[in-house]
Amino acid sequence: MNAILAASARHLSRVSGGDPYVADKYHQRCLQHLIPMLSDEAAVLDENLLASTVILRFLEEIDVPLSGKVHLDGAGHLIGAHAFVSAQEISAVSGGLRLAAFWVGLRQEIYVAFVNQRPITFPLQHCNVDRSFGATGEGMWANRIIFHCAETIQWCFGLLEHERSTTRFQELLSYAVDWLKLIPPCYTPIYYRNADAISDAVFPEVMYLSDAAVTGIQHYHLTIILLTAYDPTIPKLGSRRATVLRKMDDEIKHHTKMLCGLALSNSSTPPNFVTASMAVTMAGDKFTEAKEQQACIRILETCEAEHGWSTMTAQEDLKAAWGWK
């Protein structure tokens, strides 16, 4: 309860001018209950403690600037990664709040790792996650590509360059491509319009009926952005390098535009804007046209004004990269 009140108060302070110190009060109350439990091994697997930790991590996320310059290692690490993995293994079949906390915690890890370009702290190899393409609900289809995105982050940021094999790269790319081919009909957008068909638009319109479908599709695009940027087959020297790099930038821009279009077209789900802002923050420097740059800035502005996430540093960094005065 105190974690929820702390998160709610912080969100209100960021989007509607509420007292910022109210959140601190509830945050401290939550920690007073939570910290004594950490010495109890059985309590560490308590689903309420796991959920509280995830909520406190959200509290930190919206306070830390979306810039890749500040590492976020606070409340989310009070319990430790092993507890989240253990909770996932215990509840993988039964589901429930414990399993929900695991998946939100993993998405938080993806956010922090992607922005800071560092590995996931979860030992992913111990997670009991369905990696098949068998028939299942739309939520599990989303979880499959979310977990694959985390594995891709590990390959990109958890290994040295000489350790990133071409074979593993092809495996990661093939899984993402196959996932997109085999997703069920509920992942088909109910409406799609290319940006070229919309006056003064930069991003496409892509509307879905399901939040899970949007979440899954967004993590697919994040995965492809990472694999495109870390493609080991790109030549290091030679006349082809410049051509390949231009193609790489165009590919990353395309997937960033898709992420932004998904956020704008399905705006009732706030995480969509956070995911789009992650891509804009990391890949926005590749946009050279003023109209595209302005549209990217508007995504970051909306994420801050309507959802409370701190994007001002990211905006300033992009403007500097673009040479804006």
C-alpha atoms as a PDB file:
ATOM      1  CA  MET A   1       0.000   0.000   0.000  1.00  0.00           C
ATOM      2  CA  ASN A   2       2.754   2.444   0.931  1.00  0.00           C
ATOM      3  CA  ALA A   3       4.643   1.643  -2.280  1.00  0.00           C
ATOM      4  CA  ILE A   4       1.503   2.329  -4.333  1.00  0.00           C
ATOM      5  CA  LEU A   5       0.836   5.589  -2.502  1.00  0.00           C
ATOM      6  CA  ALA A   6       4.473   6.665  -2.972  1.00  0.00           C
ATOM      7  CA  ALA A   7       4.338   5.953  -6.722  1.00  0.00           C
ATOM      8  CA  SER A   8       0.975   7.691  -7.084  1.00  0.00           C
ATOM      9  CA  ALA A   9       2.145  10.761  -5.181  1.00  0.00           C
ATOM     10  CA  ARG A  10       5.343  11.000  -7.238  1.00  0.00           C
ATOM     11  CA  HIS A  11       3.376  10.708 -10.475  1.00  0.00           C
ATOM     12  CA  LEU A  12       0.949  13.442  -9.374  1.00  0.00           C
ATOM     13  CA  SER A  13       3.836  15.705  -8.391  1.00  0.00           C
ATOM     14  CA  ARG A  14       5.372  15.257 -11.854  1.00  0.00           C
ATOM     15  CA  VAL A  15       2.274  15.727 -14.022  1.00  0.00           C
ATOM     16  CA  SER A  16       0.013  18.044 -12.024  1.00  0.00           C
ATOM     17  CA  GLY A  17       2.221  19.960  -9.580  1.00  0.00           C
ATOM     18  CA  GLY A  18       1.477  17.953  -6.424  1.00  0.00           C
ATOM     19  CA  ASP A  19       3.691  18.165  -3.336  1.00  0.00           C
ATOM     20  CA  PRO A  20       6.848  16.152  -4.162  1.00  0.00           C
ATOM     21  CA  TYR A  21       7.569  15.441  -0.493  1.00  0.00           C
ATOM     22  CA  VAL A  22       4.406  13.385  -0.011  1.00  0.00           C
ATOM     23  CA  ALA A  23       5.948  10.589  -2.092  1.00  0.00           C
ATOM     24  CA  ASP A  24       9.086  10.638   0.075  1.00  0.00           C
ATOM     25  CA  LYS A  25       6.980  10.092   3.192  1.00  0.00           C
ATOM     26  CA  TYR A  26       5.286   6.981   1.825  1.00  0.00           C
ATOM     27  CA  HIS A  27       8.554   5.767   0.333  1.00  0.00           C
ATOM     28  CA  GLN A  28      10.193   5.820   3.756  1.00  0.00           C
ATOM     29  CA  ARG A  29       7.221   4.054   5.329  1.00  0.00           C
ATOM     30  CA  CYS A  30       7.474   1.317   2.722  1.00  0.00           C
ATOM     31  CA  LEU A  31      11.207   0.865   3.358  1.00  0.00           C
ATOM     32  CA  GLN A  32      10.589   0.617   7.097  1.00  0.00           C
ATOM     33  CA  HIS A  33       8.471  -2.474   6.441  1.00  0.00           C
ATOM     34  CA  LEU A  34      10.521  -3.856   3.574  1.00  0.00           C
ATOM     35  CA  ILE A  35      14.123  -3.701   4.807  1.00  0.00           C
ATOM     36  CA  PRO A  36      13.667  -5.851   7.964  1.00  0.00           C
ATOM     37  CA  MET A  37      12.165  -8.589   5.755  1.00  0.00           C
ATOM     38  CA  LEU A  38      15.297  -8.884   3.636  1.00  0.00           C
ATOM     39  CA  SER A  39      17.102 -10.988   6.252  1.00  0.00           C
ATOM     40  CA  ASP A  40      14.361 -13.628   6.122  1.00  0.00           C
ATOM     41  CA  GLU A  41      14.937 -16.044   3.214  1.00  0.00           C
ATOM     42  CA  ALA A  42      11.300 -17.122   3.122  1.00  0.00           C
ATOM     43  CA  ALA A  43      10.054 -13.531   3.158  1.00  0.00           C
ATOM     44  CA  VAL A  44      12.214 -12.641   0.147  1.00  0.00           C
ATOM     45  CA  LEU A  45       9.901 -14.769  -1.998  1.00  0.00           C
ATOM     46  CA  ASP A  46       6.778 -13.105  -0.631  1.00  0.00           C
ATOM     47  CA  GLU A  47       4.789 -11.812  -3.595  1.00  0.00           C
ATOM     48  CA  ASN A  48       3.860  -8.587  -1.793  1.00  0.00           C
ATOM     49  CA  LEU A  49       7.513  -7.792  -1.152  1.00  0.00           C
ATOM     50  CA  LEU A  50       8.377  -8.497  -4.784  1.00  0.00           C
ATOM     51  CA  ALA A  51       5.521  -6.302  -6.023  1.00  0.00           C
ATOM     52  CA  SER A  52       6.522  -3.513  -3.627  1.00  0.00           C
ATOM     53  CA  THR A  53      10.094  -3.620  -4.887  1.00  0.00           C
ATOM     54  CA  VAL A  54       8.924  -3.357  -8.497  1.00  0.00           C
ATOM     55  CA  ILE A  55       6.748  -0.354  -7.616  1.00  0.00           C
ATOM     56  CA  LEU A  56       9.639   1.362  -5.799  1.00  0.00           C
ATOM     57  CA  ARG A  57      11.809   0.743  -8.851  1.00  0.00           C
ATOM     58  CA  PHE A  58       9.208   2.572 -10.941  1.00  0.00           C
ATOM     59  CA  LEU A  59       9.452   5.429  -8.441  1.00  0.00           C
ATOM     60  CA  GLU A  60      13.179   5.671  -9.150  1.00  0.00           C
ATOM     61  CA  GLU A  61      12.776   5.278 -12.912  1.00  0.00           C
ATOM     62  CA  ILE A  62      10.588   8.341 -13.340  1.00  0.00           C
ATOM     63  CA  ASP A  63      12.960  10.408 -11.166  1.00  0.00           C
ATOM     64  CA  VAL A  64      16.178   9.545 -13.001  1.00  0.00           C
ATOM     65  CA  PRO A  65      16.736  11.446 -16.288  1.00  0.00           C
ATOM     66  CA  LEU A  66      16.244   9.349 -19.413  1.00  0.00           C
ATOM     67  CA  SER A  67      19.732   9.913 -20.732  1.00  0.00           C
ATOM     68  CA  GLY A  68      21.929   6.862 -20.268  1.00  0.00           C
ATOM     69  CA  LYS A  69      24.174   8.908 -17.982  1.00  0.00           C
ATOM     70  CA  VAL A  70      22.757   7.855 -14.599  1.00  0.00           C
ATOM     71  CA  HIS A  71      22.749   4.238 -13.457  1.00  0.00           C
ATOM     72  CA  LEU A  72      19.639   3.090 -11.646  1.00  0.00           C
ATOM     73  CA  ASP A  73      20.556   0.562  -8.960  1.00  0.00           C
ATOM     74  CA  GLY A  74      18.369   1.383  -5.960  1.00  0.00           C
ATOM     75  CA  ALA A  75      15.197  -0.287  -4.764  1.00  0.00           C
ATOM     76  CA  GLY A  76      15.150  -2.770  -7.604  1.00  0.00           C
ATOM     77  CA  HIS A  77      18.262  -4.374  -6.118  1.00  0.00           C
ATOM     78  CA  LEU A  78      17.138  -4.443  -2.487  1.00  0.00           C
ATOM     79  CA  ILE A  79      15.982  -8.007  -2.888  1.00  0.00           C
ATOM     80  CA  GLY A  80      18.461  -9.161  -5.481  1.00  0.00           C
ATOM     81  CA  ALA A  81      18.098 -10.681  -8.901  1.00  0.00           C
ATOM     82  CA  HIS A  82      18.112 -14.238  -7.573  1.00  0.00           C
ATOM     83  CA  ALA A  83      14.859 -13.636  -5.716  1.00  0.00           C
ATOM     84  CA  PHE A  84      13.104 -12.511  -8.883  1.00  0.00           C
ATOM     85  CA  VAL A  85      14.353 -15.553 -10.775  1.00  0.00           C
ATOM     86  CA  SER A  86      13.360 -17.887  -7.935  1.00  0.00           C
ATOM     87  CA  ALA A  87       9.933 -16.275  -7.832  1.00  0.00           C
ATOM     88  CA  GLN A  88       9.566 -16.789 -11.574  1.00  0.00           C
ATOM     89  CA  GLU A  89      10.543 -20.460 -11.344  1.00  0.00           C
ATOM     90  CA  ILE A  90       8.093 -21.084  -8.500  1.00  0.00           C
ATOM     91  CA  SER A  91       5.162 -19.336 -10.156  1.00  0.00           C
ATOM     92  CA  ALA A  92       5.826 -20.107 -13.831  1.00  0.00           C
ATOM     93  CA  VAL A  93       2.956 -22.601 -13.882  1.00  0.00           C
ATOM     94  CA  SER A  94       0.587 -21.125 -11.333  1.00  0.00           C
ATOM     95  CA  GLY A  95       0.909 -17.469 -12.366  1.00  0.00           C
ATOM     96  CA  GLY A  96      -0.330 -14.833  -9.930  1.00  0.00           C
ATOM     97  CA  LEU A  97       1.108 -11.635  -8.522  1.00  0.00           C
ATOM     98  CA  ARG A  98       4.575 -13.133  -8.051  1.00  0.00           C
ATOM     99  CA  LEU A  99       4.875 -13.975 -11.734  1.00  0.00           C
ATOM    100  CA  ALA A 100       3.461 -10.587 -12.744  1.00  0.00           C
ATOM    101  CA  ALA A 101       6.126  -8.917 -10.571  1.00  0.00           C
ATOM    102  CA  PHE A 102       8.808 -10.935 -12.357  1.00  0.00           C
ATOM    103  CA  TRP A 103       7.696  -9.802 -15.825  1.00  0.00           C
ATOM    104  CA  VAL A 104       7.397  -6.147 -14.808  1.00  0.00           C
ATOM    105  CA  GLY A 105      10.795  -6.408 -13.113  1.00  0.00           C
ATOM    106  CA  LEU A 106      12.318  -7.850 -16.282  1.00  0.00           C
ATOM    107  CA  ARG A 107      10.841  -5.042 -18.397  1.00  0.00           C
ATOM    108  CA  GLN A 108      12.321  -2.542 -15.924  1.00  0.00           C
ATOM    109  CA  GLU A 109      15.690  -4.248 -16.329  1.00  0.00           C
ATOM    110  CA  ILE A 110      15.396  -4.012 -20.122  1.00  0.00           C
ATOM    111  CA  TYR A 111      14.680  -0.282 -19.804  1.00  0.00           C
ATOM    112  CA  VAL A 112      17.684   0.389 -17.535  1.00  0.00           C
ATOM    113  CA  ALA A 113      20.044  -1.898 -19.488  1.00  0.00           C
ATOM    114  CA  PHE A 114      19.033  -0.491 -22.887  1.00  0.00           C
ATOM    115  CA  VAL A 115      19.408   3.142 -21.856  1.00  0.00           C
ATOM    116  CA  ASN A 116      22.680   2.585 -19.944  1.00  0.00           C
ATOM    117  CA  GLN A 117      24.024   0.031 -22.456  1.00  0.00           C
ATOM    118  CA  ARG A 118      24.791  -2.531 -19.787  1.00  0.00           C
ATOM    119  CA  PRO A 119      23.811  -6.201 -19.269  1.00  0.00           C
ATOM    120  CA  ILE A 120      20.650  -7.445 -17.552  1.00  0.00           C
ATOM    121  CA  THR A 121      21.329  -8.282 -13.888  1.00  0.00           C
ATOM    122  CA  PHE A 122      18.956 -11.289 -13.941  1.00  0.00           C
ATOM    123  CA  PRO A 123      20.661 -14.664 -14.585  1.00  0.00           C
ATOM    124  CA  LEU A 124      18.457 -15.301 -17.605  1.00  0.00           C
ATOM    125  CA  GLN A 125      19.713 -18.846 -18.147  1.00  0.00           C
ATOM    126  CA  HIS A 126      17.862 -19.951 -14.994  1.00  0.00           C
ATOM    127  CA  CYS A 127      14.508 -18.494 -16.035  1.00  0.00           C
ATOM    128  CA  ASN A 128      11.860 -21.064 -16.904  1.00  0.00           C
ATOM    129  CA  VAL A 129      10.331 -19.253 -19.860  1.00  0.00           C
ATOM    130  CA  ASP A 130       8.459 -20.818 -22.777  1.00  0.00           C
ATOM    131  CA  ARG A 131      10.637 -20.057 -25.798  1.00  0.00           C
ATOM    132  CA  SER A 132       8.635 -22.100 -28.283  1.00  0.00           C
ATOM    133  CA  PHE A 133       6.219 -20.833 -30.910  1.00  0.00           C
ATOM    134  CA  GLY A 134       3.393 -23.076 -29.741  1.00  0.00           C
ATOM    135  CA  ALA A 135      -0.186 -21.838 -29.457  1.00  0.00           C
ATOM    136  CA  THR A 136      -0.774 -19.693 -26.362  1.00  0.00           C
ATOM    137  CA  GLY A 137      -2.412 -16.465 -25.224  1.00  0.00           C
ATOM    138  CA  GLU A 138      -1.444 -13.024 -26.507  1.00  0.00           C
ATOM    139  CA  GLY A 139       0.248 -12.202 -23.194  1.00  0.00           C
ATOM    140  CA  MET A 140       2.632 -15.150 -23.457  1.00  0.00           C
ATOM    141  CA  TRP A 141       3.449 -14.241 -27.070  1.00  0.00           C
ATOM    142  CA  ALA A 142       4.469 -10.802 -25.767  1.00  0.00           C
ATOM    143  CA  ASN A 143       6.509 -12.357 -22.935  1.00  0.00           C
ATOM    144  CA  ARG A 144       8.412 -14.508 -25.426  1.00  0.00           C
ATOM    145  CA  ILE A 145       9.722 -11.515 -27.369  1.00  0.00           C
ATOM    146  CA  ILE A 146      10.298  -9.522 -24.148  1.00  0.00           C
ATOM    147  CA  PHE A 147      12.526 -12.317 -22.864  1.00  0.00           C
ATOM    148  CA  HIS A 148      14.224 -12.527 -26.259  1.00  0.00           C
ATOM    149  CA  CYS A 149      14.877  -8.776 -26.105  1.00  0.00           C
ATOM    150  CA  ALA A 150      16.571  -9.318 -22.732  1.00  0.00           C
ATOM    151  CA  GLU A 151      18.711 -12.101 -24.214  1.00  0.00           C
ATOM    152  CA  THR A 152      19.667  -9.789 -27.082  1.00  0.00           C
ATOM    153  CA  ILE A 153      20.708  -7.094 -24.606  1.00  0.00           C
ATOM    154  CA  GLN A 154      22.928  -9.657 -22.859  1.00  0.00           C
ATOM    155  CA  TRP A 155      24.601 -10.486 -26.162  1.00  0.00           C
ATOM    156  CA  CYS A 156      25.108  -6.822 -27.053  1.00  0.00           C
ATOM    157  CA  PHE A 157      26.226  -5.430 -23.706  1.00  0.00           C
ATOM    158  CA  GLY A 158      27.295  -8.481 -21.677  1.00  0.00           C
ATOM    159  CA  LEU A 159      30.062  -9.639 -24.008  1.00  0.00           C
ATOM    160  CA  LEU A 160      33.239  -8.124 -25.411  1.00  0.00           C
ATOM    161  CA  GLU A 161      33.252  -7.487 -29.152  1.00  0.00           C
ATOM    162  CA  HIS A 162      35.402 -10.529 -29.961  1.00  0.00           C
ATOM    163  CA  GLU A 163      33.036 -12.722 -27.899  1.00  0.00           C
ATOM    164  CA  ARG A 164      29.931 -11.798 -29.934  1.00  0.00           C
ATOM    165  CA  SER A 165      29.824 -14.607 -32.472  1.00  0.00           C
ATOM    166  CA  THR A 166      28.150 -14.341 -35.858  1.00  0.00           C
ATOM    167  CA  THR A 167      26.413 -17.667 -35.197  1.00  0.00           C
ATOM    168  CA  ARG A 168      24.697 -16.372 -32.063  1.00  0.00           C
ATOM    169  CA  PHE A 169      23.795 -13.153 -33.884  1.00  0.00           C
ATOM    170  CA  GLN A 170      22.043 -15.159 -36.608  1.00  0.00           C
ATOM    171  CA  GLU A 171      20.199 -17.218 -33.951  1.00  0.00           C
ATOM    172  CA  LEU A 172      18.922 -14.079 -32.234  1.00  0.00           C
ATOM    173  CA  LEU A 173      17.889 -12.482 -35.517  1.00  0.00           C
ATOM    174  CA  SER A 174      16.173 -15.653 -36.757  1.00  0.00           C
ATOM    175  CA  TYR A 175      14.137 -15.989 -33.563  1.00  0.00           C
ATOM    176  CA  ALA A 176      12.875 -12.394 -33.831  1.00  0.00           C
ATOM    177  CA  VAL A 177      12.001 -12.829 -37.533  1.00  0.00           C
ATOM    178  CA  ASP A 178      10.215 -16.140 -36.848  1.00  0.00           C
ATOM    179  CA  TRP A 179       8.312 -14.612 -33.905  1.00  0.00           C
ATOM    180  CA  LEU A 180       6.962 -11.888 -36.180  1.00  0.00           C
ATOM    181  CA  LYS A 181       5.966 -14.450 -38.839  1.00  0.00           C
ATOM    182  CA  LEU A 182       4.162 -16.751 -36.402  1.00  0.00           C
ATOM    183  CA  ILE A 183       2.318 -14.346 -34.076  1.00  0.00           C
ATOM    184  CA  PRO A 184      -1.437 -15.058 -33.909  1.00  0.00           C
ATOM    185  CA  PRO A 185      -4.164 -13.003 -35.637  1.00  0.00           C
ATOM    186  CA  CYS A 186      -4.757 -10.897 -32.509  1.00  0.00           C
ATOM    187  CA  TYR A 187      -1.365  -9.300 -33.284  1.00  0.00           C
ATOM    188  CA  THR A 188      -2.677  -7.947 -36.581  1.00  0.00           C
ATOM    189  CA  PRO A 189      -3.288  -4.177 -36.343  1.00  0.00           C
ATOM    190  CA  ILE A 190      -6.896  -3.121 -36.766  1.00  0.00           C
ATOM    191  CA  TYR A 191      -5.705  -0.047 -38.666  1.00  0.00           C
ATOM    192  CA  TYR A 192      -2.459   0.892 -40.401  1.00  0.00           C
ATOM    193  CA  ARG A 193      -1.532   3.969 -42.400  1.00  0.00           C
ATOM    194  CA  ASN A 194       1.966   4.795 -43.562  1.00  0.00           C
ATOM    195  CA  ALA A 195       3.363   8.211 -42.627  1.00  0.00           C
ATOM    196  CA  ASP A 196       3.668   9.087 -46.324  1.00  0.00           C
ATOM    197  CA  ALA A 197      -0.128   8.955 -46.593  1.00  0.00           C
ATOM    198  CA  ILE A 198      -0.633  11.425 -43.716  1.00  0.00           C
ATOM    199  CA  SER A 199      -0.113  15.139 -44.175  1.00  0.00           C
ATOM    200  CA  ASP A 200       3.000  16.405 -42.325  1.00  0.00           C
ATOM    201  CA  ALA A 201       3.366  13.087 -40.455  1.00  0.00           C
ATOM    202  CA  VAL A 202       6.668  11.475 -39.541  1.00  0.00           C
ATOM    203  CA  PHE A 203       5.357   8.361 -37.821  1.00  0.00           C
ATOM    204  CA  PRO A 204       2.852   5.779 -39.093  1.00  0.00           C
ATOM    205  CA  GLU A 205      -0.534   5.089 -37.526  1.00  0.00           C
ATOM    206  CA  VAL A 206      -0.684   1.517 -36.181  1.00  0.00           C
ATOM    207  CA  MET A 207      -3.665   0.675 -33.978  1.00  0.00           C
ATOM    208  CA  TYR A 208      -4.197  -2.516 -31.970  1.00  0.00           C
ATOM    209  CA  LEU A 209      -7.027  -3.818 -29.809  1.00  0.00           C
ATOM    210  CA  SER A 210      -4.670  -5.396 -27.264  1.00  0.00           C
ATOM    211  CA  ASP A 211      -2.119  -3.769 -24.947  1.00  0.00           C
ATOM    212  CA  ALA A 212      -0.196  -7.069 -24.917  1.00  0.00           C
ATOM    213  CA  ALA A 213       0.114  -6.974 -28.712  1.00  0.00           C
ATOM    214  CA  VAL A 214       1.521  -3.429 -28.642  1.00  0.00           C
ATOM    215  CA  THR A 215       3.989  -4.370 -25.899  1.00  0.00           C
ATOM    216  CA  GLY A 216       5.152  -7.406 -27.855  1.00  0.00           C
ATOM    217  CA  ILE A 217       5.505  -5.560 -31.165  1.00  0.00           C
ATOM    218  CA  GLN A 218       7.430  -2.729 -29.472  1.00  0.00           C
ATOM    219  CA  HIS A 219       9.919  -5.173 -27.945  1.00  0.00           C
ATOM    220  CA  TYR A 220      10.337  -6.771 -31.362  1.00  0.00           C
ATOM    221  CA  HIS A 221      11.350  -3.377 -32.775  1.00  0.00           C
ATOM    222  CA  LEU A 222      13.712  -2.745 -29.839  1.00  0.00           C
ATOM    223  CA  THR A 223      15.335  -6.117 -30.490  1.00  0.00           C
ATOM    224  CA  ILE A 224      15.857  -5.367 -34.186  1.00  0.00           C
ATOM    225  CA  ILE A 225      17.349  -1.949 -33.366  1.00  0.00           C
ATOM    226  CA  LEU A 226      19.912  -3.646 -31.109  1.00  0.00           C
ATOM    227  CA  LEU A 227      20.755  -6.391 -33.582  1.00  0.00           C
ATOM    228  CA  THR A 228      21.091  -3.865 -36.422  1.00  0.00           C
ATOM    229  CA  ALA A 229      23.426  -1.665 -34.377  1.00  0.00           C
ATOM    230  CA  TYR A 230      25.588  -4.614 -33.240  1.00  0.00           C
ATOM    231  CA  ASP A 231      25.624  -6.577 -36.502  1.00  0.00           C
ATOM    232  CA  PRO A 232      29.047  -8.318 -36.554  1.00  0.00           C
ATOM    233  CA  THR A 233      28.893  -8.759 -40.343  1.00  0.00           C
ATOM    234  CA  ILE A 234      29.315  -5.022 -40.992  1.00  0.00           C
ATOM    235  CA  PRO A 235      32.719  -4.538 -42.668  1.00  0.00           C
ATOM    236  CA  LYS A 236      35.273  -2.670 -40.588  1.00  0.00           C
ATOM    237  CA  LEU A 237      37.063  -1.244 -43.644  1.00  0.00           C
ATOM    238  CA  GLY A 238      36.610  -0.975 -47.387  1.00  0.00           C
ATOM    239  CA  SER A 239      34.429   0.740 -49.942  1.00  0.00           C
ATOM    240  CA  ARG A 240      31.258  -1.115 -48.850  1.00  0.00           C
ATOM    241  CA  ARG A 241      31.423   0.123 -45.265  1.00  0.00           C
ATOM    242  CA  ALA A 242      29.881   3.567 -45.911  1.00  0.00           C
ATOM    243  CA  THR A 243      26.993   2.047 -47.886  1.00  0.00           C
ATOM    244  CA  VAL A 244      26.309  -0.583 -45.223  1.00  0.00           C
ATOM    245  CA  LEU A 245      26.401   2.021 -42.449  1.00  0.00           C
ATOM    246  CA  ARG A 246      23.871   4.190 -44.285  1.00  0.00           C
ATOM    247  CA  LYS A 247      21.611   1.184 -44.660  1.00  0.00           C
ATOM    248  CA  MET A 248      22.058   0.407 -40.941  1.00  0.00           C
ATOM    249  CA  ASP A 249      21.053   3.969 -39.977  1.00  0.00           C
ATOM    250  CA  ASP A 250      17.976   3.801 -42.228  1.00  0.00           C
ATOM    251  CA  GLU A 251      16.946   0.486 -40.648  1.00  0.00           C
ATOM    252  CA  ILE A 252      17.315   1.862 -37.105  1.00  0.00           C
ATOM    253  CA  LYS A 253      15.343   4.988 -38.054  1.00  0.00           C
ATOM    254  CA  HIS A 254      12.542   2.856 -39.502  1.00  0.00           C
ATOM    255  CA  HIS A 255      12.141   0.828 -36.314  1.00  0.00           C
ATOM    256  CA  THR A 256      12.354   3.960 -34.152  1.00  0.00           C
ATOM    257  CA  LYS A 257       9.566   5.531 -36.223  1.00  0.00           C
ATOM    258  CA  MET A 258       7.478   2.374 -35.777  1.00  0.00           C
ATOM    259  CA  LEU A 259       7.954   2.550 -31.998  1.00  0.00           C
ATOM    260  CA  CYS A 260       6.872   6.186 -31.953  1.00  0.00           C
ATOM    261  CA  GLY A 261       3.902   5.467 -34.205  1.00  0.00           C
ATOM    262  CA  LEU A 262       2.820   2.631 -31.908  1.00  0.00           C
ATOM    263  CA  ALA A 263       2.992   4.960 -28.907  1.00  0.00           C
ATOM    264  CA  LEU A 264       0.978   7.739 -30.537  1.00  0.00           C
ATOM    265  CA  SER A 265      -1.615   5.381 -32.030  1.00  0.00           C
ATOM    266  CA  ASN A 266      -2.146   3.455 -28.769  1.00  0.00           C
ATOM    267  CA  SER A 267      -1.709   6.338 -26.337  1.00  0.00           C
ATOM    268  CA  SER A 268      -4.002   4.936 -23.639  1.00  0.00           C
ATOM    269  CA  THR A 269      -1.138   2.677 -22.485  1.00  0.00           C
ATOM    270  CA  PRO A 270       1.610   4.867 -20.936  1.00  0.00           C
ATOM    271  CA  PRO A 271       4.469   2.304 -21.193  1.00  0.00           C
ATOM    272  CA  ASN A 272       4.278   2.666 -24.973  1.00  0.00           C
ATOM    273  CA  PHE A 273       5.669   6.201 -24.687  1.00  0.00           C
ATOM    274  CA  VAL A 274       8.457   5.068 -22.368  1.00  0.00           C
ATOM    275  CA  THR A 275       9.551   2.382 -24.831  1.00  0.00           C
ATOM    276  CA  ALA A 276       9.399   4.840 -27.736  1.00  0.00           C
ATOM    277  CA  SER A 277      11.372   7.394 -25.710  1.00  0.00           C
ATOM    278  CA  MET A 278      14.073   4.783 -25.065  1.00  0.00           C
ATOM    279  CA  ALA A 279      14.545   4.364 -28.819  1.00  0.00           C
ATOM    280  CA  VAL A 280      14.455   8.112 -29.491  1.00  0.00           C
ATOM    281  CA  THR A 281      17.033   8.730 -26.771  1.00  0.00           C
ATOM    282  CA  MET A 282      19.446   6.133 -28.143  1.00  0.00           C
ATOM    283  CA  ALA A 283      18.845   6.525 -31.891  1.00  0.00           C
ATOM    284  CA  GLY A 284      17.466  10.041 -32.329  1.00  0.00           C
ATOM    285  CA  ASP A 285      20.831  11.397 -33.467  1.00  0.00           C
ATOM    286  CA  LYS A 286      20.374   9.482 -36.737  1.00  0.00           C
ATOM    287  CA  PHE A 287      17.479  11.747 -37.788  1.00  0.00           C
ATOM    288  CA  THR A 288      18.759  14.571 -39.979  1.00  0.00           C
ATOM    289  CA  GLU A 289      15.570  16.281 -41.226  1.00  0.00           C
ATOM    290  CA  ALA A 290      14.178  19.093 -39.056  1.00  0.00           C
ATOM    291  CA  LYS A 291      10.626  17.705 -39.252  1.00  0.00           C
ATOM    292  CA  GLU A 292      11.785  14.311 -37.987  1.00  0.00           C
ATOM    293  CA  GLN A 293      13.825  15.877 -35.205  1.00  0.00           C
ATOM    294  CA  GLN A 294      10.889  17.993 -34.032  1.00  0.00           C
ATOM    295  CA  ALA A 295       8.637  14.915 -34.006  1.00  0.00           C
ATOM    296  CA  CYS A 296      11.173  13.032 -31.881  1.00  0.00           C
ATOM    297  CA  ILE A 297      11.334  15.877 -29.391  1.00  0.00           C
ATOM    298  CA  ARG A 298       7.522  15.880 -29.152  1.00  0.00           C
ATOM    299  CA  ILE A 299       7.597  12.192 -28.167  1.00  0.00           C
ATOM    300  CA  LEU A 300       9.981  13.004 -25.305  1.00  0.00           C
ATOM    301  CA  GLU A 301       7.941  16.060 -24.298  1.00  0.00           C
ATOM    302  CA  THR A 302       4.741  13.994 -24.166  1.00  0.00           C
ATOM    303  CA  CYS A 303       6.427  11.289 -22.116  1.00  0.00           C
ATOM    304  CA  GLU A 304       7.431  13.906 -19.539  1.00  0.00           C
ATOM    305  CA  ALA A 305       4.322  16.108 -19.536  1.00  0.00           C
ATOM    306  CA  GLU A 306       1.681  13.380 -19.561  1.00  0.00           C
ATOM    307  CA  HIS A 307       3.421  10.432 -17.909  1.00  0.00           C
ATOM    308  CA  GLY A 308       5.938  12.018 -15.560  1.00  0.00           C
ATOM    309  CA  TRP A 309       9.182  10.564 -16.926  1.00  0.00           C
ATOM    310  CA  SER A 310      12.202  12.844 -16.833  1.00  0.00           C
ATOM    311  CA  THR A 311      13.254  13.351 -20.469  1.00  0.00           C
ATOM    312  CA  MET A 312      14.673  16.901 -20.397  1.00  0.00           C
ATOM    313  CA  THR A 313      18.297  15.698 -20.353  1.00  0.00           C
ATOM    314  CA  ALA A 314      17.618  13.447 -23.346  1.00  0.00           C
ATOM    315  CA  GLN A 315      16.026  16.371 -25.184  1.00  0.00           C
ATOM    316  CA  GLU A 316      19.038  18.593 -24.516  1.00  0.00           C
ATOM    317  CA  ASP A 317      21.481  15.859 -25.593  1.00  0.00           C
ATOM    318  CA  LEU A 318      19.642  15.308 -28.867  1.00  0.00           C
ATOM    319  CA  LYS A 319      19.418  19.029 -29.633  1.00  0.00           C
ATOM    320  CA  ALA A 320      23.166  19.294 -29.083  1.00  0.00           C
ATOM    321  CA  ALA A 321      23.794  16.282 -31.350  1.00  0.00           C
ATOM    322  CA  TRP A 322      21.620  17.858 -34.059  1.00  0.00           C
ATOM    323  CA  GLY A 323      23.353  21.224 -33.702  1.00  0.00           C
ATOM    324  CA  TRP A 324      20.221  23.066 -32.628  1.00  0.00           C
ATOM    325  CA  LYS A 325      20.810  26.533 -31.199  1.00  0.00           C
END
